[in-house]
Each structure stands twice: as C-alpha cells, then as structure tokens.
N, C-alpha and C. Protein backbone atom coordinates (compact mmCIF):
# COMPACT_ATOMS: atom_id res chain seq x y z
N MET A 1 -73.47 23.60 -118.93
CA MET A 1 -73.12 23.29 -117.60
C MET A 1 -71.78 22.65 -117.58
N ALA A 2 -71.21 22.79 -116.50
CA ALA A 2 -69.87 22.24 -116.38
C ALA A 2 -69.93 20.77 -116.11
N THR A 3 -69.03 20.13 -116.62
CA THR A 3 -68.98 18.68 -116.40
C THR A 3 -67.86 18.39 -115.41
N SER A 4 -68.12 17.46 -114.60
CA SER A 4 -67.10 17.08 -113.61
C SER A 4 -66.13 16.10 -114.24
N PRO A 5 -65.01 16.07 -113.76
CA PRO A 5 -64.05 15.15 -114.32
C PRO A 5 -64.52 13.72 -114.12
N PRO A 6 -64.18 12.86 -114.99
CA PRO A 6 -64.68 11.49 -114.92
C PRO A 6 -64.21 10.77 -113.65
N ASP A 7 -63.11 11.16 -113.02
CA ASP A 7 -62.60 10.45 -111.84
C ASP A 7 -63.41 10.77 -110.60
N ALA A 8 -63.96 11.95 -110.50
CA ALA A 8 -64.58 12.41 -109.27
C ALA A 8 -65.74 11.55 -108.85
N PRO A 9 -66.74 11.26 -109.71
CA PRO A 9 -67.88 10.51 -109.20
C PRO A 9 -67.52 9.05 -108.94
N SER A 10 -66.51 8.57 -109.50
CA SER A 10 -66.25 7.14 -109.30
C SER A 10 -65.25 6.97 -108.13
N ARG A 11 -65.61 6.08 -107.22
CA ARG A 11 -64.73 5.78 -106.07
C ARG A 11 -64.08 4.44 -106.31
N SER A 12 -62.97 4.28 -105.66
CA SER A 12 -62.32 2.97 -105.80
C SER A 12 -63.10 1.95 -105.00
N ALA A 13 -62.90 0.72 -105.32
CA ALA A 13 -63.63 -0.36 -104.66
C ALA A 13 -63.25 -0.42 -103.19
N ALA A 14 -61.99 -0.17 -102.85
CA ALA A 14 -61.54 -0.24 -101.47
C ALA A 14 -62.17 0.86 -100.65
N SER A 15 -62.21 2.06 -101.19
CA SER A 15 -62.79 3.17 -100.42
C SER A 15 -64.27 2.98 -100.26
N SER A 16 -64.94 2.36 -101.22
CA SER A 16 -66.38 2.10 -101.12
C SER A 16 -66.64 1.08 -100.03
N ALA A 17 -65.82 0.06 -99.97
CA ALA A 17 -66.02 -0.97 -98.95
C ALA A 17 -65.79 -0.37 -97.57
N TYR A 18 -64.79 0.48 -97.43
CA TYR A 18 -64.50 1.11 -96.15
C TYR A 18 -65.65 2.00 -95.73
N ALA A 19 -66.19 2.75 -96.68
CA ALA A 19 -67.29 3.66 -96.38
C ALA A 19 -68.52 2.88 -95.96
N SER A 20 -68.79 1.76 -96.62
CA SER A 20 -69.97 0.98 -96.25
C SER A 20 -69.75 0.32 -94.89
N ARG A 21 -68.52 -0.11 -94.61
CA ARG A 21 -68.23 -0.73 -93.31
C ARG A 21 -68.36 0.31 -92.22
N ASP A 22 -67.88 1.52 -92.50
CA ASP A 22 -67.94 2.60 -91.52
C ASP A 22 -69.38 2.95 -91.20
N SER A 23 -70.20 3.00 -92.19
CA SER A 23 -71.61 3.34 -91.95
C SER A 23 -72.31 2.21 -91.24
N SER A 24 -71.92 0.95 -91.53
CA SER A 24 -72.56 -0.17 -90.83
C SER A 24 -72.10 -0.21 -89.38
N SER A 25 -70.87 0.23 -89.10
CA SER A 25 -70.37 0.29 -87.73
C SER A 25 -71.17 1.29 -86.93
N HIS A 26 -71.47 2.42 -87.54
CA HIS A 26 -72.27 3.44 -86.85
C HIS A 26 -73.66 2.91 -86.59
N THR A 27 -74.15 2.16 -87.51
CA THR A 27 -75.49 1.60 -87.36
C THR A 27 -75.50 0.59 -86.22
N ARG A 28 -74.45 -0.24 -86.18
CA ARG A 28 -74.36 -1.26 -85.13
C ARG A 28 -74.24 -0.59 -83.76
N ASP A 29 -73.45 0.49 -83.65
CA ASP A 29 -73.29 1.19 -82.38
C ASP A 29 -74.62 1.74 -81.91
N ARG A 30 -75.40 2.26 -82.84
CA ARG A 30 -76.72 2.78 -82.48
C ARG A 30 -77.61 1.65 -82.03
N HIS A 31 -77.48 0.50 -82.70
CA HIS A 31 -78.29 -0.67 -82.36
C HIS A 31 -77.93 -1.16 -80.96
N ASP A 32 -76.58 -1.21 -80.64
CA ASP A 32 -76.12 -1.65 -79.31
C ASP A 32 -76.59 -0.68 -78.25
N ALA A 33 -76.56 0.59 -78.52
CA ALA A 33 -77.00 1.59 -77.55
C ALA A 33 -78.48 1.45 -77.28
N SER A 34 -79.24 1.15 -78.32
CA SER A 34 -80.68 0.98 -78.10
C SER A 34 -80.94 -0.31 -77.33
N GLN A 35 -80.12 -1.37 -77.58
CA GLN A 35 -80.29 -2.62 -76.83
C GLN A 35 -79.89 -2.40 -75.38
N ALA A 36 -78.80 -1.63 -75.12
CA ALA A 36 -78.36 -1.38 -73.76
C ALA A 36 -79.43 -0.63 -72.99
N ALA A 37 -80.11 0.26 -73.67
CA ALA A 37 -81.17 0.99 -73.00
C ALA A 37 -82.33 0.07 -72.69
N SER A 38 -82.46 -1.00 -73.45
CA SER A 38 -83.58 -1.91 -73.23
C SER A 38 -83.27 -2.98 -72.20
N ILE A 39 -81.96 -3.13 -71.72
CA ILE A 39 -81.61 -4.12 -70.69
C ILE A 39 -82.09 -3.58 -69.36
N PRO A 40 -82.76 -4.42 -68.60
CA PRO A 40 -83.28 -3.94 -67.31
C PRO A 40 -82.13 -3.61 -66.34
N VAL A 41 -82.37 -2.72 -65.43
CA VAL A 41 -81.38 -2.26 -64.45
C VAL A 41 -80.98 -3.41 -63.53
N GLU A 42 -81.92 -4.28 -63.17
CA GLU A 42 -81.62 -5.40 -62.29
C GLU A 42 -80.55 -6.30 -62.89
N THR A 43 -80.65 -6.52 -64.23
CA THR A 43 -79.66 -7.36 -64.90
C THR A 43 -78.30 -6.69 -64.86
N LEU A 44 -78.28 -5.38 -65.09
CA LEU A 44 -77.01 -4.64 -65.04
C LEU A 44 -76.41 -4.70 -63.63
N VAL A 45 -77.26 -4.58 -62.62
CA VAL A 45 -76.79 -4.65 -61.24
C VAL A 45 -76.24 -6.04 -60.94
N GLU A 46 -76.93 -7.07 -61.45
CA GLU A 46 -76.46 -8.44 -61.24
C GLU A 46 -75.09 -8.65 -61.89
N HIS A 47 -74.95 -8.11 -63.13
CA HIS A 47 -73.65 -8.22 -63.81
C HIS A 47 -72.56 -7.45 -63.05
N LEU A 48 -72.90 -6.29 -62.52
CA LEU A 48 -71.95 -5.49 -61.75
C LEU A 48 -71.52 -6.25 -60.49
N LEU A 49 -72.49 -6.83 -59.78
CA LEU A 49 -72.16 -7.59 -58.57
C LEU A 49 -71.33 -8.83 -58.90
N ALA A 50 -71.65 -9.48 -60.02
CA ALA A 50 -70.86 -10.65 -60.43
C ALA A 50 -69.43 -10.24 -60.75
N ALA A 51 -69.28 -9.08 -61.41
CA ALA A 51 -67.94 -8.59 -61.73
C ALA A 51 -67.16 -8.27 -60.46
N LYS A 52 -67.85 -7.67 -59.47
CA LYS A 52 -67.19 -7.37 -58.20
C LYS A 52 -66.78 -8.65 -57.48
N ARG A 53 -67.66 -9.65 -57.50
CA ARG A 53 -67.33 -10.93 -56.87
C ARG A 53 -66.13 -11.56 -57.57
N SER A 54 -66.10 -11.44 -58.88
CA SER A 54 -64.98 -11.99 -59.64
C SER A 54 -63.68 -11.29 -59.27
N LEU A 55 -63.73 -9.95 -59.16
CA LEU A 55 -62.53 -9.21 -58.75
C LEU A 55 -62.13 -9.59 -57.33
N SER A 56 -63.10 -9.73 -56.45
CA SER A 56 -62.82 -10.12 -55.08
C SER A 56 -62.21 -11.52 -55.05
N SER A 57 -62.73 -12.41 -55.87
CA SER A 57 -62.17 -13.77 -55.95
C SER A 57 -60.74 -13.73 -56.46
N MET A 58 -60.47 -12.86 -57.43
CA MET A 58 -59.10 -12.72 -57.94
C MET A 58 -58.17 -12.23 -56.83
N GLN A 59 -58.65 -11.27 -56.03
CA GLN A 59 -57.84 -10.78 -54.91
C GLN A 59 -57.57 -11.92 -53.93
N HIS A 60 -58.59 -12.74 -53.68
CA HIS A 60 -58.40 -13.87 -52.77
C HIS A 60 -57.40 -14.88 -53.36
N VAL A 61 -57.48 -15.09 -54.66
CA VAL A 61 -56.55 -16.02 -55.31
C VAL A 61 -55.12 -15.48 -55.21
N LEU A 62 -54.95 -14.17 -55.46
CA LEU A 62 -53.62 -13.57 -55.36
C LEU A 62 -53.09 -13.65 -53.92
N ARG A 63 -53.97 -13.37 -52.96
CA ARG A 63 -53.57 -13.44 -51.55
C ARG A 63 -53.20 -14.89 -51.19
N ALA A 64 -54.00 -15.84 -51.68
CA ALA A 64 -53.72 -17.25 -51.43
C ALA A 64 -52.38 -17.65 -52.04
N ASN A 65 -52.09 -17.13 -53.22
CA ASN A 65 -50.80 -17.40 -53.86
C ASN A 65 -49.66 -16.85 -53.01
N ASP A 66 -49.83 -15.61 -52.50
CA ASP A 66 -48.81 -15.03 -51.63
C ASP A 66 -48.62 -15.88 -50.37
N LEU A 67 -49.73 -16.30 -49.78
CA LEU A 67 -49.65 -17.13 -48.57
C LEU A 67 -48.97 -18.47 -48.86
N ALA A 68 -49.30 -19.07 -50.00
CA ALA A 68 -48.68 -20.34 -50.37
C ALA A 68 -47.18 -20.17 -50.60
N THR A 69 -46.80 -19.06 -51.24
CA THR A 69 -45.37 -18.79 -51.48
C THR A 69 -44.65 -18.59 -50.15
N ASP A 70 -45.26 -17.81 -49.24
CA ASP A 70 -44.65 -17.59 -47.93
C ASP A 70 -44.56 -18.90 -47.14
N ALA A 71 -45.60 -19.71 -47.23
CA ALA A 71 -45.60 -21.00 -46.53
C ALA A 71 -44.51 -21.91 -47.08
N ARG A 72 -44.33 -21.93 -48.39
CA ARG A 72 -43.29 -22.76 -49.00
C ARG A 72 -41.91 -22.28 -48.55
N ARG A 73 -41.71 -20.97 -48.55
CA ARG A 73 -40.43 -20.40 -48.13
C ARG A 73 -40.17 -20.74 -46.65
N SER A 74 -41.20 -20.60 -45.82
CA SER A 74 -41.06 -20.92 -44.40
C SER A 74 -40.77 -22.41 -44.21
N HIS A 75 -41.41 -23.24 -45.00
CA HIS A 75 -41.17 -24.69 -44.91
C HIS A 75 -39.73 -25.01 -45.30
N GLU A 76 -39.22 -24.36 -46.35
CA GLU A 76 -37.83 -24.59 -46.76
C GLU A 76 -36.87 -24.16 -45.65
N GLU A 77 -37.14 -22.98 -45.04
CA GLU A 77 -36.28 -22.50 -43.96
C GLU A 77 -36.34 -23.46 -42.77
N ALA A 78 -37.54 -23.96 -42.46
CA ALA A 78 -37.69 -24.91 -41.35
C ALA A 78 -36.93 -26.20 -41.65
N ALA A 79 -36.97 -26.65 -42.89
CA ALA A 79 -36.24 -27.87 -43.26
C ALA A 79 -34.73 -27.66 -43.12
N ILE A 80 -34.26 -26.50 -43.52
CA ILE A 80 -32.83 -26.19 -43.38
C ILE A 80 -32.44 -26.14 -41.91
N LEU A 81 -33.26 -25.45 -41.09
CA LEU A 81 -32.97 -25.36 -39.66
C LEU A 81 -33.02 -26.74 -39.00
N CYS A 82 -33.94 -27.57 -39.44
CA CYS A 82 -34.05 -28.93 -38.90
C CYS A 82 -32.79 -29.72 -39.22
N ALA A 83 -32.31 -29.60 -40.45
CA ALA A 83 -31.09 -30.32 -40.85
C ALA A 83 -29.89 -29.81 -40.04
N GLN A 84 -29.80 -28.50 -39.87
CA GLN A 84 -28.70 -27.94 -39.10
C GLN A 84 -28.77 -28.40 -37.64
N THR A 85 -29.99 -28.44 -37.10
CA THR A 85 -30.17 -28.88 -35.71
C THR A 85 -29.75 -30.34 -35.56
N ARG A 86 -30.15 -31.19 -36.50
CA ARG A 86 -29.75 -32.60 -36.45
C ARG A 86 -28.23 -32.73 -36.52
N PHE A 87 -27.62 -31.93 -37.39
CA PHE A 87 -26.16 -31.96 -37.50
C PHE A 87 -25.53 -31.60 -36.15
N LEU A 88 -26.03 -30.53 -35.53
CA LEU A 88 -25.48 -30.11 -34.25
C LEU A 88 -25.73 -31.15 -33.16
N GLN A 89 -26.91 -31.77 -33.20
CA GLN A 89 -27.21 -32.81 -32.21
C GLN A 89 -26.24 -33.98 -32.34
N ARG A 90 -25.83 -34.28 -33.54
CA ARG A 90 -24.86 -35.37 -33.74
C ARG A 90 -23.44 -34.91 -33.44
N ALA A 91 -23.14 -33.64 -33.76
CA ALA A 91 -21.77 -33.15 -33.62
C ALA A 91 -21.42 -32.84 -32.16
N ILE A 92 -22.38 -32.36 -31.39
CA ILE A 92 -22.08 -31.96 -30.01
C ILE A 92 -21.58 -33.14 -29.18
N PRO A 93 -22.23 -34.30 -29.20
CA PRO A 93 -21.66 -35.43 -28.42
C PRO A 93 -20.26 -35.82 -28.89
N ASN A 94 -20.02 -35.77 -30.19
CA ASN A 94 -18.67 -36.08 -30.71
C ASN A 94 -17.65 -35.08 -30.17
N GLN A 95 -18.02 -33.80 -30.20
CA GLN A 95 -17.11 -32.77 -29.69
C GLN A 95 -16.91 -32.92 -28.18
N THR A 96 -17.99 -33.28 -27.47
CA THR A 96 -17.89 -33.50 -26.03
C THR A 96 -16.94 -34.66 -25.73
N ASN A 97 -17.09 -35.75 -26.47
CA ASN A 97 -16.17 -36.90 -26.29
C ASN A 97 -14.73 -36.50 -26.58
N LEU A 98 -14.54 -35.72 -27.63
CA LEU A 98 -13.19 -35.26 -27.97
C LEU A 98 -12.62 -34.40 -26.84
N LEU A 99 -13.44 -33.49 -26.31
CA LEU A 99 -12.96 -32.64 -25.21
C LEU A 99 -12.65 -33.47 -23.96
N LEU A 100 -13.45 -34.49 -23.69
CA LEU A 100 -13.17 -35.36 -22.54
C LEU A 100 -11.85 -36.10 -22.73
N ARG A 101 -11.60 -36.58 -23.95
CA ARG A 101 -10.32 -37.26 -24.23
C ARG A 101 -9.15 -36.29 -24.06
N VAL A 102 -9.33 -35.05 -24.54
CA VAL A 102 -8.27 -34.04 -24.39
C VAL A 102 -8.03 -33.77 -22.90
N ARG A 103 -9.13 -33.65 -22.14
CA ARG A 103 -9.00 -33.39 -20.70
C ARG A 103 -8.25 -34.54 -20.01
N ARG A 104 -8.62 -35.79 -20.33
CA ARG A 104 -7.93 -36.93 -19.72
C ARG A 104 -6.45 -36.93 -20.10
N SER A 105 -6.18 -36.61 -21.37
CA SER A 105 -4.78 -36.57 -21.82
C SER A 105 -4.01 -35.47 -21.09
N LEU A 106 -4.63 -34.31 -20.94
CA LEU A 106 -3.97 -33.22 -20.21
C LEU A 106 -3.73 -33.60 -18.75
N LYS A 107 -4.70 -34.27 -18.15
CA LYS A 107 -4.55 -34.69 -16.74
C LYS A 107 -3.40 -35.69 -16.62
N ARG A 108 -3.34 -36.66 -17.55
CA ARG A 108 -2.23 -37.63 -17.52
C ARG A 108 -0.89 -36.91 -17.69
N THR A 109 -0.85 -35.95 -18.62
CA THR A 109 0.39 -35.21 -18.84
C THR A 109 0.76 -34.41 -17.60
N TYR A 110 -0.24 -33.78 -16.98
CA TYR A 110 0.00 -33.00 -15.76
C TYR A 110 0.52 -33.91 -14.65
N ASP A 111 -0.14 -35.06 -14.47
CA ASP A 111 0.29 -35.99 -13.42
C ASP A 111 1.70 -36.50 -13.68
N ALA A 112 2.00 -36.82 -14.95
CA ALA A 112 3.35 -37.29 -15.29
C ALA A 112 4.37 -36.18 -15.03
N GLY A 113 4.03 -34.95 -15.42
CA GLY A 113 4.94 -33.83 -15.17
C GLY A 113 5.15 -33.59 -13.68
N LYS A 114 4.07 -33.72 -12.92
CA LYS A 114 4.18 -33.54 -11.47
C LYS A 114 5.08 -34.62 -10.85
N ARG A 115 4.89 -35.88 -11.29
CA ARG A 115 5.75 -36.97 -10.81
C ARG A 115 7.22 -36.71 -11.18
N ASP A 116 7.43 -36.30 -12.45
CA ASP A 116 8.80 -36.02 -12.90
C ASP A 116 9.42 -34.89 -12.08
N PHE A 117 8.61 -33.85 -11.82
CA PHE A 117 9.11 -32.72 -11.04
C PHE A 117 9.46 -33.15 -9.62
N THR A 118 8.58 -33.97 -9.02
CA THR A 118 8.85 -34.47 -7.66
C THR A 118 10.13 -35.30 -7.65
N ASN A 119 10.28 -36.15 -8.67
CA ASN A 119 11.52 -36.94 -8.77
C ASN A 119 12.74 -36.05 -8.96
N LEU A 120 12.58 -34.99 -9.75
CA LEU A 120 13.68 -34.05 -9.97
C LEU A 120 14.06 -33.37 -8.66
N VAL A 121 13.06 -32.95 -7.88
CA VAL A 121 13.35 -32.30 -6.60
C VAL A 121 14.07 -33.27 -5.67
N ARG A 122 13.60 -34.52 -5.63
CA ARG A 122 14.27 -35.52 -4.79
C ARG A 122 15.72 -35.73 -5.24
N THR A 123 15.91 -35.82 -6.56
CA THR A 123 17.26 -36.01 -7.10
C THR A 123 18.14 -34.82 -6.77
N MET A 124 17.57 -33.61 -6.90
CA MET A 124 18.35 -32.40 -6.59
C MET A 124 18.70 -32.35 -5.10
N ASP A 125 17.75 -32.76 -4.24
CA ASP A 125 18.04 -32.80 -2.80
C ASP A 125 19.15 -33.80 -2.50
N ALA A 126 19.07 -34.96 -3.14
CA ALA A 126 20.12 -35.98 -2.93
C ALA A 126 21.47 -35.47 -3.43
N THR A 127 21.44 -34.79 -4.58
CA THR A 127 22.68 -34.24 -5.14
C THR A 127 23.24 -33.17 -4.22
N ASN A 128 22.37 -32.34 -3.65
CA ASN A 128 22.82 -31.30 -2.73
C ASN A 128 23.44 -31.92 -1.48
N GLU A 129 22.82 -32.99 -0.99
CA GLU A 129 23.40 -33.67 0.18
C GLU A 129 24.79 -34.22 -0.15
N LYS A 130 24.92 -34.82 -1.33
CA LYS A 130 26.23 -35.35 -1.74
C LYS A 130 27.24 -34.22 -1.89
N LEU A 131 26.78 -33.08 -2.44
CA LEU A 131 27.67 -31.93 -2.59
C LEU A 131 28.13 -31.45 -1.21
N GLN A 132 27.20 -31.38 -0.26
CA GLN A 132 27.56 -30.93 1.09
C GLN A 132 28.53 -31.92 1.74
N GLU A 133 28.29 -33.21 1.53
CA GLU A 133 29.21 -34.23 2.07
C GLU A 133 30.59 -34.08 1.45
N THR A 134 30.61 -33.87 0.13
CA THR A 134 31.89 -33.72 -0.57
C THR A 134 32.62 -32.48 -0.06
N MET A 135 31.87 -31.38 0.12
CA MET A 135 32.50 -30.15 0.62
C MET A 135 33.00 -30.36 2.05
N GLY A 136 32.24 -31.10 2.85
CA GLY A 136 32.70 -31.41 4.22
C GLY A 136 33.96 -32.26 4.19
N MET A 137 33.99 -33.23 3.29
CA MET A 137 35.18 -34.08 3.16
C MET A 137 36.38 -33.24 2.73
N LEU A 138 36.16 -32.29 1.79
CA LEU A 138 37.26 -31.43 1.34
C LEU A 138 37.76 -30.54 2.48
N ARG A 139 36.85 -30.08 3.35
CA ARG A 139 37.25 -29.25 4.49
C ARG A 139 38.06 -30.09 5.51
N ASN A 140 37.68 -31.32 5.63
CA ASN A 140 38.34 -32.18 6.62
C ASN A 140 39.63 -32.84 6.09
N THR A 141 39.91 -32.66 4.81
CA THR A 141 41.11 -33.27 4.24
C THR A 141 42.21 -32.20 4.17
N PRO A 142 43.23 -32.33 5.06
CA PRO A 142 44.31 -31.33 5.02
C PRO A 142 45.30 -31.62 3.88
N VAL A 143 45.92 -30.59 3.45
CA VAL A 143 46.95 -30.72 2.42
C VAL A 143 48.24 -31.09 3.16
N GLU A 144 48.91 -32.14 2.73
CA GLU A 144 50.14 -32.62 3.36
C GLU A 144 51.20 -31.52 3.28
N ALA A 145 52.02 -31.49 4.26
CA ALA A 145 53.07 -30.48 4.32
C ALA A 145 54.05 -30.62 3.16
N ASP A 146 54.17 -31.85 2.64
CA ASP A 146 55.08 -32.07 1.52
C ASP A 146 54.59 -31.36 0.25
N PHE A 147 53.28 -31.15 0.17
CA PHE A 147 52.71 -30.52 -1.04
C PHE A 147 52.60 -29.00 -0.90
N ARG A 148 52.92 -28.47 0.25
CA ARG A 148 52.83 -27.03 0.48
C ARG A 148 54.22 -26.41 0.42
N PRO A 149 54.28 -25.15 0.03
CA PRO A 149 55.58 -24.48 0.09
C PRO A 149 56.01 -24.33 1.58
N PRO A 150 57.33 -24.27 1.80
CA PRO A 150 57.78 -24.14 3.19
C PRO A 150 57.29 -22.82 3.81
N GLY A 151 56.82 -22.89 5.03
CA GLY A 151 56.37 -21.72 5.78
C GLY A 151 54.91 -21.39 5.56
N GLU A 152 54.24 -22.12 4.70
CA GLU A 152 52.81 -21.82 4.47
C GLU A 152 52.00 -22.48 5.57
N GLU A 153 50.98 -21.79 6.00
CA GLU A 153 50.13 -22.32 7.05
C GLU A 153 49.35 -23.51 6.54
N PRO A 154 48.88 -24.36 7.43
CA PRO A 154 48.17 -25.56 6.98
C PRO A 154 46.86 -25.19 6.26
N ARG A 155 46.59 -25.95 5.22
CA ARG A 155 45.37 -25.70 4.40
C ARG A 155 44.68 -27.03 4.18
N ASN A 156 43.37 -26.90 3.80
CA ASN A 156 42.63 -28.11 3.43
C ASN A 156 42.28 -28.01 1.95
N LEU A 157 41.72 -29.09 1.42
CA LEU A 157 41.40 -29.10 -0.03
C LEU A 157 40.30 -28.10 -0.39
N MET A 158 39.46 -27.74 0.56
CA MET A 158 38.37 -26.79 0.29
C MET A 158 38.91 -25.40 -0.02
N ASP A 159 40.13 -25.11 0.43
CA ASP A 159 40.73 -23.81 0.15
C ASP A 159 40.98 -23.61 -1.34
N PHE A 160 41.00 -24.68 -2.11
CA PHE A 160 41.25 -24.59 -3.55
C PHE A 160 39.95 -24.55 -4.38
N VAL A 161 38.80 -24.56 -3.71
CA VAL A 161 37.49 -24.54 -4.39
C VAL A 161 36.87 -23.15 -4.23
N ASP A 162 36.27 -22.65 -5.31
CA ASP A 162 35.58 -21.35 -5.26
C ASP A 162 34.19 -21.57 -4.66
N GLU A 163 34.08 -21.36 -3.33
CA GLU A 163 32.83 -21.65 -2.64
C GLU A 163 31.70 -20.72 -3.08
N GLN A 164 32.01 -19.50 -3.43
CA GLN A 164 30.98 -18.54 -3.84
C GLN A 164 30.24 -19.02 -5.09
N SER A 165 30.97 -19.53 -6.07
CA SER A 165 30.30 -20.00 -7.29
C SER A 165 29.46 -21.24 -7.01
N VAL A 166 29.93 -22.12 -6.10
CA VAL A 166 29.15 -23.31 -5.73
C VAL A 166 27.86 -22.88 -5.05
N HIS A 167 27.97 -21.98 -4.07
CA HIS A 167 26.77 -21.52 -3.35
C HIS A 167 25.84 -20.74 -4.29
N GLY A 168 26.40 -19.97 -5.21
CA GLY A 168 25.58 -19.23 -6.19
C GLY A 168 24.79 -20.18 -7.09
N MET A 169 25.45 -21.27 -7.51
CA MET A 169 24.77 -22.25 -8.36
C MET A 169 23.66 -22.96 -7.58
N VAL A 170 23.92 -23.33 -6.34
CA VAL A 170 22.92 -24.00 -5.51
C VAL A 170 21.73 -23.06 -5.27
N ASP A 171 22.00 -21.79 -4.98
CA ASP A 171 20.91 -20.83 -4.75
C ASP A 171 20.09 -20.61 -6.03
N ALA A 172 20.76 -20.56 -7.19
CA ALA A 172 20.04 -20.38 -8.46
C ALA A 172 19.13 -21.57 -8.74
N LEU A 173 19.62 -22.78 -8.47
CA LEU A 173 18.79 -23.98 -8.67
C LEU A 173 17.59 -23.98 -7.72
N LYS A 174 17.81 -23.58 -6.46
CA LYS A 174 16.70 -23.51 -5.50
C LYS A 174 15.67 -22.47 -5.94
N LYS A 175 16.13 -21.35 -6.47
CA LYS A 175 15.21 -20.30 -6.94
C LYS A 175 14.39 -20.80 -8.12
N CYS A 176 15.03 -21.49 -9.07
CA CYS A 176 14.30 -22.05 -10.23
C CYS A 176 13.26 -23.06 -9.79
N LEU A 177 13.62 -23.92 -8.85
CA LEU A 177 12.66 -24.91 -8.35
C LEU A 177 11.50 -24.22 -7.63
N GLY A 178 11.79 -23.17 -6.90
CA GLY A 178 10.73 -22.42 -6.22
C GLY A 178 9.77 -21.78 -7.21
N GLU A 179 10.29 -21.27 -8.32
CA GLU A 179 9.42 -20.65 -9.35
C GLU A 179 8.55 -21.70 -10.03
N LEU A 180 9.07 -22.90 -10.22
CA LEU A 180 8.30 -23.94 -10.89
C LEU A 180 7.19 -24.49 -10.02
N GLN A 181 7.36 -24.38 -8.70
CA GLN A 181 6.31 -24.89 -7.82
C GLN A 181 5.23 -23.86 -7.80
C-alpha cells in the first residue's frame, strides 16, 4: 500500500487551534439558534417595543437638542438686538440735542445775516441819497466863465461827470439787492 508523506497527516498547531475554534463557533451558533427558538414571543415583542421606545427617545433627544440650539441662537440674536436698541435709545436724544443746537445756531446766523442785510440796505439808501444830493449840487454849481474857453456856453460841474455809468452802477446795485431779498 502506498504510504502518505509524513507531513500530510500532521497539522500545525495553529491550524489545529483555528479548526477547533471554527467548529466550536458553529456549535455555539447552533446553540444560540436553539436558545432563540426557545425564547417566548412575548419577550421578543417586549424587547422590540423597548427598542422602538429607545429609538423614539433618541429622536426626542435629537429634536430637543435642535430646539435648544435654536433657542440659544435666538437668545443671542435677542441680546444683540437689545444692546443695539439700548445704544439707539441713548444715541437718539444726543443726536436730537445736537440737531436742536444746530437749528438754534442756524437761526442766530440767519437773524444776524438778516440784520446785516437790513443795515446794508439802509446804508445803501443813505449812500444813494448822498449821491443824489452830490449830483444835484454838481448840477447847481456853474463853471466860472474864467475857467471856460471864450465863446463856450455856460456849463455846470455835472457836465464833466459820466451820468450813464453812475446810473448803471446804481441800477446794478439795486438789482443785486432785489435778488438777495
């Protein structure tokens, strides 16, 4: 008869341990399956319901976490808005006071400008009266015959003044004053 090689029947210690563990695993699986078949259905249903309650509780915990996060974020936003509102409540009266001071200052400036303008108009009227008096005096002052060439007709001092430029200047001043009013 043929003889087998000496290596074939002998297994290594590691492979033997693995083979025995593998066979014991199969045995344990069969044992667990037989135990599972022996567990009453009511117990399995109770475990199933407990698992569902646990999952439902986890969903509630996650939802509660979301709500808490949203509430914290809303609280932070409310705190920021509250701070901004307080700032505005303090700033608005300050700005109102500043605007009132500016308004009073503008009114004083306007009143001073109006007084100055009224004084200017009075001064211009007085100056115009003096100018008219001076022009009347020049018209009434004749040039002596000694100062005129022989044969020249009698003249007054107003004949030596350019009346058109004087009247043009007076009209321009009146027009400027009319525009300012």
